[in-house]
Amino acid sequence: MIDTKTEWMSKLPESAQDYLAGHRLDEVECVISDLPGIARGKAVPASKFGRQDYFHLPDSVFFQTITGGWGEAADEDGFIEKDMILYPDMETATAAPWTGDWTLQVIHDAFDRNGEPVPFAPRNVLKRVVQMYRDKGWEPVVAPEMEFFLIARNLDPAQDIKPMTGRSGRPAAARQAYSMTAVDEFGPVIDDIYDFAEAQGFEIDGITQEGGAGQLEINLRHGDPVRLADEVFYFKRLIREAALRHDCFATFMAKPIANEPGSAMHIHHSVLDMKTGNNIFSDEKGDGTEAFYHFIGGLQTHLPAALAVMAPYVNSYRRYVKDHAAPINLEWAQDNRTTGIRVPLSSPAARRVENRIAGMDCNPYLGIAASLACGYLGMIEGLAPSAQFKGDAYEGDGDIPQVLGSALNLFEEAEKLHAVLGPDFARVYSIVKRAEYDEFLQVISPWEREHLLLNV
């Protein structure tokens, strides 16, 4: 236990100070995102955190697959699990309001023994991309949308996932997009989501019912890419904890239920001039600028190679199905949700580009970094987009990879994308994802046993 008036605690964000008002801080969770977006780290007594400037974790946390295996991604020193030095970013200090005691979470940044940022740490990858924008005098702004399902507790992976039971006692119904009655079904869970978010100092722009059974969407206010990625990282844990309080699970799988829509992390982009604060996507007349069209051209050109980052698992590609609220191509259009790249209705000052490709299963730091990298390359290279699409884009052909293996092939060849995200990140990411994919290919599915066992 420590006195709440110690110097470091007096510098906590206002929301954290409000949360602790009148209480003694018990514990601090020192966390960092791994490649899948899982929080890794240590929980330490508050008294110890107050005395430490940093802590250590092995760099192998970034070589770990989603199943707990390992990719052989170590450098020339070999797989010796070198210690990283993790420094807290105290601006990220926030409550963990679901715990039984008074606990804070703090996101840390990873550095090597020479004081250099670890290049394959996801938060460092995003910081690298943001800095490349700023070096050009641009300030990138993003607004993520988070889709997820509330489902019945699933304790057996062999069983199909089912929607949660709502307040009415009936399973959540599908095809009820934007229904307030459907939102009310999940009222107790949503109340806890709001309460947890308020305790953590997060501002929710809105919650809506999506098209899937038990599927919700949370919109966040636009802002700095790193800060918004931090919030999505925190929100995933927050939402899971709120669901567990009500005997259900929250899942961010891209496609958890067959014949239902998948869950996306739509990313809205705009770019400001750092000197004037003006949106460089609009000119003085309010029309779209060259930068605006080049950003779209960059997404169209480079998103196929970046897809392995935004759709990182075999399940991710089940989301890209015609007429299931997910894009199948990289057409762009004004106010058209059938295209992969959408320009929402807005004033000239708020002109933005929405990337509808990324899945909610992606690491938020990496998904946002990859999307920004594509737009950056478009502006640097002066890439022109295709003509604006007219009509229903689902009537066209798909032009994005349909399986993870194909997406990884494109990613591994994308040297321009590697130069923005970081070559060492690209190397490690590819090795880890190949290890995951190879492991999946060894699994025999129920479909294969049902249809091939006695018929071929």
Protein backbone atom coordinates (compact mmCIF):
# COMPACT_ATOMS: atom_id res chain seq x y z
CA MET A 1 0.00 0.00 0.00
CA ILE A 2 1.16 3.54 -0.69
CA ASP A 3 -0.07 6.95 0.25
CA THR A 4 -2.28 8.41 -2.47
CA LYS A 5 -0.40 11.69 -2.24
CA THR A 6 2.90 10.33 -3.53
CA GLU A 7 4.35 12.30 -6.40
CA TRP A 8 3.82 9.79 -9.20
CA MET A 9 0.16 9.37 -8.32
CA SER A 10 -0.40 13.11 -8.37
CA LYS A 11 0.49 13.03 -12.07
CA LEU A 12 -2.02 10.34 -13.01
CA PRO A 13 -4.70 11.17 -15.61
CA GLU A 14 -7.75 12.83 -14.10
CA SER A 15 -9.98 9.77 -14.63
CA ALA A 16 -7.53 7.56 -12.71
CA GLN A 17 -7.33 10.05 -9.87
CA ASP A 18 -11.12 10.26 -9.73
CA TYR A 19 -11.35 6.47 -9.62
CA LEU A 20 -8.94 6.27 -6.70
CA ALA A 21 -10.38 9.20 -4.75
CA GLY A 22 -10.80 8.12 -1.14
CA HIS A 23 -9.17 4.73 -1.72
CA ARG A 24 -5.74 3.19 -1.46
CA LEU A 25 -4.26 1.78 -4.62
CA ASP A 26 -3.51 -1.94 -4.19
CA GLU A 27 -2.00 -3.10 -7.48
CA VAL A 28 -0.74 -1.93 -10.84
CA GLU A 29 -0.96 -4.11 -13.95
CA CYS A 30 2.01 -3.36 -16.22
CA VAL A 31 0.86 -4.40 -19.69
CA ILE A 32 2.00 -4.46 -23.30
CA SER A 33 0.31 -5.80 -26.42
CA ASP A 34 1.78 -8.84 -28.17
CA LEU A 35 1.27 -9.49 -31.90
CA PRO A 36 -2.27 -10.92 -31.54
CA GLY A 37 -3.22 -8.05 -29.20
CA ILE A 38 -3.19 -10.08 -25.98
CA ALA A 39 -2.15 -8.10 -22.90
CA ARG A 40 1.15 -9.44 -21.58
CA GLY A 41 2.97 -8.19 -18.52
CA LYS A 42 3.10 -8.29 -14.75
CA ALA A 43 0.88 -7.33 -11.85
CA VAL A 44 2.86 -5.66 -9.07
CA PRO A 45 1.97 -4.19 -5.69
CA ALA A 46 1.41 -0.46 -5.89
CA SER A 47 4.28 0.16 -3.47
CA LYS A 48 6.70 -1.64 -5.79
CA PHE A 49 5.42 0.16 -8.90
CA GLY A 50 6.01 3.47 -7.17
CA ARG A 51 9.68 2.56 -6.72
CA GLN A 52 10.41 1.09 -10.17
CA ASP A 53 11.17 3.00 -13.37
CA TYR A 54 10.83 -0.01 -15.65
CA PHE A 55 10.49 -3.78 -15.73
CA HIS A 56 11.65 -6.60 -17.96
CA LEU A 57 9.97 -9.16 -20.21
CA PRO A 58 11.65 -11.48 -22.72
CA ASP A 59 11.42 -10.45 -26.37
CA SER A 60 9.97 -13.90 -27.09
CA VAL A 61 6.49 -12.60 -26.15
CA PHE A 62 6.44 -11.21 -29.70
CA PHE A 63 7.37 -14.57 -31.24
CA GLN A 64 4.39 -16.38 -29.67
CA THR A 65 1.48 -17.58 -31.79
CA ILE A 66 -2.19 -17.31 -30.87
CA THR A 67 -2.14 -20.97 -29.80
CA GLY A 68 0.82 -20.54 -27.47
CA GLY A 69 3.39 -21.95 -29.87
CA TRP A 70 6.47 -20.14 -31.12
CA GLY A 71 7.69 -18.76 -34.42
CA GLU A 72 11.44 -19.08 -35.01
CA ALA A 73 11.75 -15.32 -35.35
CA ALA A 74 14.77 -14.55 -33.16
CA ASP A 75 17.62 -12.52 -34.65
CA GLU A 76 21.22 -13.64 -35.29
CA ASP A 77 21.77 -14.04 -31.52
CA GLY A 78 19.37 -16.96 -31.54
CA PHE A 79 16.34 -17.82 -29.40
CA ILE A 80 17.86 -16.71 -26.10
CA GLU A 81 14.83 -14.70 -24.93
CA LYS A 82 16.63 -11.41 -24.40
CA ASP A 83 15.14 -9.06 -21.86
CA MET A 84 13.36 -5.97 -23.12
CA ILE A 85 13.16 -2.84 -20.99
CA LEU A 86 9.55 -1.76 -20.57
CA TYR A 87 8.86 1.84 -19.59
CA PRO A 88 5.40 2.97 -18.48
CA ASP A 89 3.47 5.57 -20.45
CA MET A 90 1.71 7.15 -17.51
CA GLU A 91 -0.75 8.93 -19.81
CA THR A 92 -2.28 5.48 -20.36
CA ALA A 93 -2.83 4.79 -16.64
CA THR A 94 -6.45 3.80 -16.19
CA ALA A 95 -8.72 1.89 -13.85
CA ALA A 96 -9.35 -1.84 -13.89
CA PRO A 97 -12.84 -1.42 -12.38
CA TRP A 98 -13.86 -5.09 -12.57
CA THR A 99 -11.20 -6.21 -10.08
CA GLY A 100 -11.91 -6.97 -6.45
CA ASP A 101 -9.44 -4.38 -5.21
CA TRP A 102 -8.29 -0.94 -6.38
CA THR A 103 -6.17 -1.60 -9.44
CA LEU A 104 -4.71 0.47 -12.27
CA GLN A 105 -3.52 -0.65 -15.70
CA VAL A 106 -0.58 1.06 -17.40
CA ILE A 107 0.55 0.41 -20.98
CA HIS A 108 4.33 0.17 -21.41
CA ASP A 109 6.65 0.74 -24.36
CA ALA A 110 9.37 -1.76 -25.25
CA PHE A 111 13.04 -0.88 -25.74
CA ASP A 112 16.12 -3.02 -26.25
CA ARG A 113 19.26 -2.96 -24.12
CA ASN A 114 20.64 -0.11 -26.27
CA GLY A 115 17.61 2.06 -25.63
CA GLU A 116 16.16 1.60 -29.13
CA PRO A 117 12.44 0.88 -29.61
CA VAL A 118 11.81 -2.82 -30.18
CA PRO A 119 10.77 -2.73 -33.87
CA PHE A 120 8.22 -5.55 -33.71
CA ALA A 121 6.36 -4.28 -30.64
CA PRO A 122 2.92 -3.34 -32.05
CA ARG A 123 2.68 0.05 -30.30
CA ASN A 124 6.14 0.94 -31.61
CA VAL A 125 5.09 -0.02 -35.15
CA LEU A 126 2.15 2.40 -34.98
CA LYS A 127 4.33 5.13 -33.47
CA ARG A 128 6.78 4.68 -36.34
CA VAL A 129 4.07 5.18 -38.95
CA VAL A 130 2.59 8.20 -37.16
CA GLN A 131 6.05 9.79 -37.00
CA MET A 132 6.47 9.33 -40.76
CA TYR A 133 3.30 11.37 -41.25
CA ARG A 134 4.54 14.06 -38.87
CA ASP A 135 7.88 14.23 -40.65
CA LYS A 136 5.85 15.36 -43.68
CA GLY A 137 3.95 17.97 -41.67
CA TRP A 138 0.82 15.82 -41.46
CA GLU A 139 -1.17 14.84 -38.39
CA PRO A 140 -3.13 11.61 -38.95
CA VAL A 141 -6.53 11.30 -37.26
CA VAL A 142 -8.50 8.07 -36.92
CA ALA A 143 -11.82 6.91 -35.53
CA PRO A 144 -12.27 3.15 -35.09
CA GLU A 145 -15.58 1.31 -34.95
CA MET A 146 -15.65 -1.92 -32.94
CA GLU A 147 -18.05 -4.75 -33.77
CA PHE A 148 -18.39 -7.80 -31.54
CA PHE A 149 -20.82 -10.54 -30.51
CA LEU A 150 -22.28 -11.31 -27.10
CA ILE A 151 -22.66 -15.09 -27.08
CA ALA A 152 -23.76 -17.89 -24.78
CA ARG A 153 -20.93 -19.36 -22.75
CA ASN A 154 -19.08 -21.81 -24.97
CA LEU A 155 -17.01 -24.35 -23.04
CA ASP A 156 -16.59 -26.92 -25.81
CA PRO A 157 -14.80 -25.79 -28.99
CA ALA A 158 -16.54 -28.62 -30.88
CA GLN A 159 -19.93 -27.00 -30.26
CA ASP A 160 -21.34 -24.27 -32.49
CA ILE A 161 -21.40 -20.77 -31.05
CA LYS A 162 -24.87 -19.55 -30.08
CA PRO A 163 -26.14 -16.05 -29.33
CA MET A 164 -26.57 -15.08 -25.70
CA THR A 165 -29.96 -15.11 -24.00
CA GLY A 166 -31.32 -11.62 -23.50
CA ARG A 167 -33.45 -10.09 -20.77
CA SER A 168 -36.57 -11.58 -22.38
CA GLY A 169 -35.24 -15.10 -21.86
CA ARG A 170 -35.01 -15.66 -25.62
CA PRO A 171 -31.78 -15.99 -27.61
CA ALA A 172 -30.71 -12.80 -29.36
CA ALA A 173 -32.33 -12.48 -32.78
CA ALA A 174 -30.51 -11.76 -36.03
CA ARG A 175 -31.43 -9.27 -38.77
CA GLN A 176 -32.33 -6.57 -36.23
CA ALA A 177 -29.78 -3.92 -37.20
CA TYR A 178 -30.22 -0.60 -35.37
CA SER A 179 -33.09 -1.99 -33.28
CA MET A 180 -33.34 -0.26 -29.91
CA THR A 181 -35.36 -3.19 -28.59
CA ALA A 182 -32.48 -5.51 -29.49
CA VAL A 183 -30.04 -3.22 -27.68
CA ASP A 184 -32.31 -3.28 -24.63
CA GLU A 185 -32.01 -7.08 -24.57
CA PHE A 186 -28.36 -6.63 -23.59
CA GLY A 187 -29.06 -3.74 -21.23
CA PRO A 188 -27.26 -5.09 -18.14
CA VAL A 189 -24.09 -5.86 -20.12
CA ILE A 190 -24.18 -2.48 -21.86
CA ASP A 191 -24.69 -0.71 -18.52
CA ASP A 192 -21.49 -2.29 -17.23
CA ILE A 193 -19.65 -1.40 -20.45
CA TYR A 194 -20.66 2.25 -19.96
CA ASP A 195 -19.72 2.18 -16.28
CA PHE A 196 -16.33 0.58 -16.92
CA ALA A 197 -15.63 3.00 -19.79
CA GLU A 198 -16.50 5.99 -17.61
CA ALA A 199 -14.23 4.74 -14.82
CA GLN A 200 -11.43 4.39 -17.36
CA GLY A 201 -11.99 7.85 -18.83
CA PHE A 202 -13.12 6.65 -22.27
CA GLU A 203 -15.76 8.46 -24.28
CA ILE A 204 -18.12 6.26 -26.28
CA ASP A 205 -19.65 7.94 -29.32
CA GLY A 206 -22.50 5.43 -29.49
CA ILE A 207 -23.60 1.78 -29.23
CA THR A 208 -25.82 0.20 -31.87
CA GLN A 209 -27.23 -3.23 -32.67
CA GLU A 210 -25.62 -4.68 -35.79
CA GLY A 211 -27.07 -7.22 -38.22
CA GLY A 212 -25.88 -10.38 -36.46
CA ALA A 213 -27.57 -12.17 -33.59
CA GLY A 214 -26.16 -10.60 -30.45
CA GLN A 215 -23.84 -8.36 -32.48
CA LEU A 216 -23.12 -4.83 -31.25
CA GLU A 217 -21.01 -1.93 -32.48
CA ILE A 218 -19.24 0.71 -30.39
CA ASN A 219 -18.01 3.89 -32.04
CA LEU A 220 -15.16 5.92 -30.54
CA ARG A 221 -14.45 9.62 -30.93
CA HIS A 222 -11.81 10.53 -33.51
CA GLY A 223 -8.30 11.44 -32.41
CA ASP A 224 -4.63 10.50 -32.22
CA PRO A 225 -3.99 7.01 -33.69
CA VAL A 226 -1.87 5.74 -30.79
CA ARG A 227 -4.36 6.94 -28.19
CA LEU A 228 -7.28 5.37 -30.07
CA ALA A 229 -5.40 2.08 -30.50
CA ASP A 230 -4.73 2.12 -26.74
CA GLU A 231 -8.46 2.53 -26.17
CA VAL A 232 -9.41 -0.35 -28.46
CA PHE A 233 -6.78 -2.50 -26.73
CA TYR A 234 -8.31 -1.61 -23.36
CA PHE A 235 -11.89 -1.86 -24.64
CA LYS A 236 -11.51 -5.48 -25.72
CA ARG A 237 -10.66 -6.44 -22.16
CA LEU A 238 -13.32 -4.14 -20.71
CA ILE A 239 -16.08 -5.65 -22.87
CA ARG A 240 -15.02 -9.22 -22.09
CA GLU A 241 -15.10 -8.47 -18.37
CA ALA A 242 -18.54 -6.85 -18.62
CA ALA A 243 -19.90 -9.91 -20.44
CA LEU A 244 -18.49 -12.34 -17.87
CA ARG A 245 -20.44 -10.54 -15.14
CA HIS A 246 -23.63 -11.61 -16.90
CA ASP A 247 -22.83 -15.25 -17.68
CA CYS A 248 -21.98 -14.70 -21.33
CA PHE A 249 -18.90 -14.24 -23.47
CA ALA A 250 -17.87 -11.34 -25.71
CA THR A 251 -16.02 -12.44 -28.84
CA PHE A 252 -14.07 -10.39 -31.35
CA MET A 253 -13.66 -13.25 -33.82
CA ALA A 254 -14.12 -12.01 -37.36
CA LYS A 255 -16.74 -14.70 -38.12
CA PRO A 256 -17.92 -16.54 -35.00
CA ILE A 257 -21.32 -17.76 -36.27
CA ALA A 258 -21.99 -19.33 -39.68
CA ASN A 259 -24.51 -17.50 -41.88
CA GLU A 260 -24.26 -14.36 -39.73
CA PRO A 261 -22.36 -11.19 -40.59
CA GLY A 262 -18.79 -10.93 -39.34
CA SER A 263 -17.26 -8.32 -37.06
CA ALA A 264 -15.15 -5.52 -38.49
CA MET A 265 -12.99 -2.75 -37.12
CA HIS A 266 -13.85 -0.01 -39.60
CA ILE A 267 -11.19 2.73 -39.51
CA HIS A 268 -12.04 6.33 -40.44
CA HIS A 269 -9.08 8.42 -41.61
CA SER A 270 -8.42 12.11 -42.04
CA VAL A 271 -5.15 14.04 -42.12
CA LEU A 272 -4.53 17.53 -40.77
CA ASP A 273 -1.91 20.08 -41.78
CA MET A 274 0.24 20.45 -38.65
CA LYS A 275 0.78 24.18 -39.24
CA THR A 276 -2.78 25.24 -40.00
CA GLY A 277 -4.83 22.45 -38.43
CA ASN A 278 -6.85 22.19 -41.65
CA ASN A 279 -8.00 18.89 -43.10
CA ILE A 280 -5.76 18.30 -46.13
CA PHE A 281 -8.49 16.18 -47.74
CA SER A 282 -10.55 19.34 -48.50
CA ASP A 283 -9.55 22.47 -50.42
CA GLU A 284 -10.72 26.04 -49.84
CA LYS A 285 -13.83 25.39 -51.94
CA GLY A 286 -14.67 22.31 -49.90
CA ASP A 287 -13.79 19.89 -52.70
CA GLY A 288 -11.61 16.81 -52.42
CA THR A 289 -7.88 17.45 -52.82
CA GLU A 290 -5.15 15.50 -54.55
CA ALA A 291 -4.09 14.19 -51.13
CA PHE A 292 -7.60 12.86 -50.59
CA TYR A 293 -7.63 10.93 -53.85
CA HIS A 294 -4.03 9.76 -53.43
CA PHE A 295 -4.90 8.39 -49.98
CA ILE A 296 -7.70 6.35 -51.56
CA GLY A 297 -5.34 5.26 -54.34
CA GLY A 298 -2.87 4.09 -51.71
CA LEU A 299 -5.51 1.99 -50.00
CA GLN A 300 -6.58 0.42 -53.28
CA THR A 301 -2.99 -0.34 -54.28
CA HIS A 302 -1.48 -1.55 -51.02
CA LEU A 303 -4.36 -3.02 -48.99
CA PRO A 304 -4.08 -6.47 -50.63
CA ALA A 305 -0.54 -6.77 -49.26
CA ALA A 306 -1.58 -5.35 -45.88
CA LEU A 307 -4.54 -7.71 -45.55
CA ALA A 308 -2.51 -10.31 -43.64
CA VAL A 309 -2.17 -7.71 -40.86
CA MET A 310 -5.81 -6.57 -40.90
CA ALA A 311 -7.19 -10.10 -41.33
CA PRO A 312 -4.62 -12.12 -39.36
CA TYR A 313 -6.28 -15.55 -38.95
CA VAL A 314 -7.81 -18.24 -41.13
CA ASN A 315 -11.21 -17.34 -39.68
CA SER A 316 -10.77 -13.71 -40.80
CA TYR A 317 -11.38 -14.61 -44.44
CA ARG A 318 -14.76 -16.18 -43.73
CA ARG A 319 -16.02 -12.62 -43.18
CA TYR A 320 -15.57 -11.52 -46.80
CA VAL A 321 -18.84 -12.93 -48.13
CA LYS A 322 -21.19 -11.26 -50.61
CA ASP A 323 -24.18 -9.52 -49.05
CA HIS A 324 -23.00 -10.20 -45.48
CA ALA A 325 -22.08 -6.61 -44.56
CA ALA A 326 -18.41 -7.08 -45.43
CA PRO A 327 -16.58 -5.92 -48.55
CA ILE A 328 -15.37 -8.30 -51.21
CA ASN A 329 -13.36 -5.77 -53.22
CA LEU A 330 -11.50 -2.47 -53.02
CA GLU A 331 -13.91 -0.25 -54.91
CA TRP A 332 -14.51 3.19 -53.42
CA ALA A 333 -17.58 5.40 -53.36
CA GLN A 334 -19.34 8.19 -51.53
CA ASP A 335 -21.79 6.96 -48.89
CA ASN A 336 -21.86 3.35 -50.14
CA ARG A 337 -21.49 0.56 -47.59
CA THR A 338 -21.04 -2.15 -50.22
CA THR A 339 -17.57 -0.90 -51.15
CA GLY A 340 -14.37 -1.71 -49.30
CA ILE A 341 -13.43 1.98 -49.17
CA ARG A 342 -16.22 4.39 -48.27
CA VAL A 343 -16.34 8.18 -48.06
CA PRO A 344 -19.01 8.99 -45.45
CA LEU A 345 -21.29 11.99 -45.65
CA SER A 346 -19.59 14.89 -43.88
CA SER A 347 -18.78 18.57 -43.99
CA PRO A 348 -15.60 19.54 -45.89
CA ALA A 349 -13.75 20.06 -42.60
CA ALA A 350 -14.59 16.49 -41.55
CA ARG A 351 -13.95 14.80 -44.90
CA ARG A 352 -12.59 11.33 -44.20
CA VAL A 353 -11.96 7.93 -45.75
CA GLU A 354 -13.35 4.77 -44.16
CA ASN A 355 -11.42 1.53 -44.53
CA ARG A 356 -14.03 -1.25 -44.16
CA ILE A 357 -11.58 -4.11 -44.75
CA ALA A 358 -10.02 -4.59 -41.29
CA GLY A 359 -11.51 -7.25 -39.03
CA MET A 360 -12.14 -6.84 -35.32
CA ASP A 361 -9.80 -9.75 -34.70
CA CYS A 362 -6.76 -7.73 -35.75
CA ASN A 363 -4.36 -6.13 -33.29
CA PRO A 364 -5.61 -2.51 -33.14
CA TYR A 365 -2.10 -1.04 -33.20
CA LEU A 366 -1.14 -3.09 -36.25
CA GLY A 367 -4.47 -2.73 -38.07
CA ILE A 368 -4.41 1.05 -37.75
CA ALA A 369 -0.69 1.19 -38.61
CA ALA A 370 -1.17 -0.89 -41.76
CA SER A 371 -4.14 1.20 -42.91
CA LEU A 372 -2.25 4.44 -42.31
CA ALA A 373 0.78 2.99 -44.11
CA CYS A 374 -1.28 2.28 -47.24
CA GLY A 375 -2.67 5.82 -47.30
CA TYR A 376 0.77 7.29 -46.65
CA LEU A 377 2.26 5.40 -49.58
CA GLY A 378 -0.57 6.63 -51.78
CA MET A 379 0.16 10.26 -50.92
CA ILE A 380 3.94 9.85 -51.23
CA GLU A 381 3.68 8.01 -54.54
CA GLY A 382 0.87 10.16 -55.94
CA LEU A 383 -1.32 7.14 -56.65
CA ALA A 384 -4.60 7.78 -58.44
CA PRO A 385 -7.67 5.80 -57.44
CA SER A 386 -10.01 4.05 -59.82
CA ALA A 387 -13.18 5.83 -60.89
CA GLN A 388 -15.76 6.14 -58.16
CA PHE A 389 -17.95 3.03 -58.11
CA LYS A 390 -21.64 3.36 -58.85
CA GLY A 391 -24.18 0.83 -57.64
CA ASP A 392 -23.91 -2.37 -55.59
CA ALA A 393 -20.27 -3.45 -55.26
CA TYR A 394 -21.36 -6.98 -54.29
CA GLU A 395 -22.36 -7.48 -57.92
CA GLY A 396 -18.70 -7.15 -58.92
CA ASP A 397 -15.83 -9.58 -58.58
CA GLY A 398 -13.79 -9.98 -55.44
CA ASP A 399 -10.25 -8.65 -55.65
CA ILE A 400 -8.82 -9.40 -52.20
CA PRO A 401 -7.14 -12.63 -51.06
CA GLN A 402 -9.58 -15.28 -49.90
CA VAL A 403 -7.26 -17.27 -47.63
CA LEU A 404 -4.52 -16.37 -45.18
CA GLY A 405 -1.83 -18.20 -47.16
CA SER A 406 -2.40 -16.02 -50.23
CA ALA A 407 -2.48 -12.87 -48.11
CA LEU A 408 0.83 -13.81 -46.49
CA ASN A 409 2.39 -14.33 -49.91
CA LEU A 410 1.48 -10.77 -50.88
CA PHE A 411 2.64 -9.37 -47.53
CA GLU A 412 6.02 -11.06 -47.77
CA GLU A 413 6.65 -9.49 -51.19
CA ALA A 414 5.53 -5.96 -50.23
CA GLU A 415 8.85 -4.18 -49.76
CA LYS A 416 7.32 -0.69 -49.88
CA LEU A 417 4.91 -1.61 -47.09
CA HIS A 418 7.77 -3.17 -45.10
CA ALA A 419 9.72 0.09 -45.36
CA VAL A 420 6.90 1.97 -43.64
CA LEU A 421 5.95 -0.61 -41.01
CA GLY A 422 9.57 -1.62 -40.42
CA PRO A 423 11.51 -4.46 -42.09
CA ASP A 424 12.20 -6.27 -38.81
CA PHE A 425 8.53 -6.14 -37.88
CA ALA A 426 7.63 -7.58 -41.29
CA ARG A 427 10.15 -10.39 -40.81
CA VAL A 428 8.91 -11.37 -37.36
CA TYR A 429 5.23 -11.01 -38.23
CA SER A 430 5.54 -13.21 -41.30
CA ILE A 431 7.38 -15.96 -39.42
CA VAL A 432 4.86 -16.02 -36.56
CA LYS A 433 1.88 -16.03 -38.92
CA ARG A 434 3.38 -18.80 -41.04
CA ALA A 435 3.82 -20.87 -37.88
CA GLU A 436 0.15 -20.35 -37.00
CA TYR A 437 -1.01 -21.15 -40.52
CA ASP A 438 1.10 -24.31 -40.72
CA GLU A 439 -0.36 -25.47 -37.41
CA PHE A 440 -3.90 -24.87 -38.66
CA LEU A 441 -3.25 -26.88 -41.83
CA GLN A 442 -2.59 -29.94 -39.67
CA VAL A 443 -6.13 -29.82 -38.23
CA ILE A 444 -8.79 -32.09 -39.77
CA SER A 445 -12.14 -30.30 -39.71
CA PRO A 446 -15.61 -31.77 -39.00
CA TRP A 447 -16.57 -30.94 -42.62
CA GLU A 448 -13.78 -33.16 -43.91
CA ARG A 449 -14.76 -36.04 -41.65
CA GLU A 450 -18.43 -35.73 -42.55
CA HIS A 451 -18.12 -35.49 -46.32
CA LEU A 452 -14.84 -37.20 -47.17
CA LEU A 453 -14.46 -40.02 -44.67
CA LEU A 454 -16.74 -42.52 -46.47
CA ASN A 455 -17.45 -40.80 -49.78
CA VAL A 456 -14.08 -40.45 -51.52
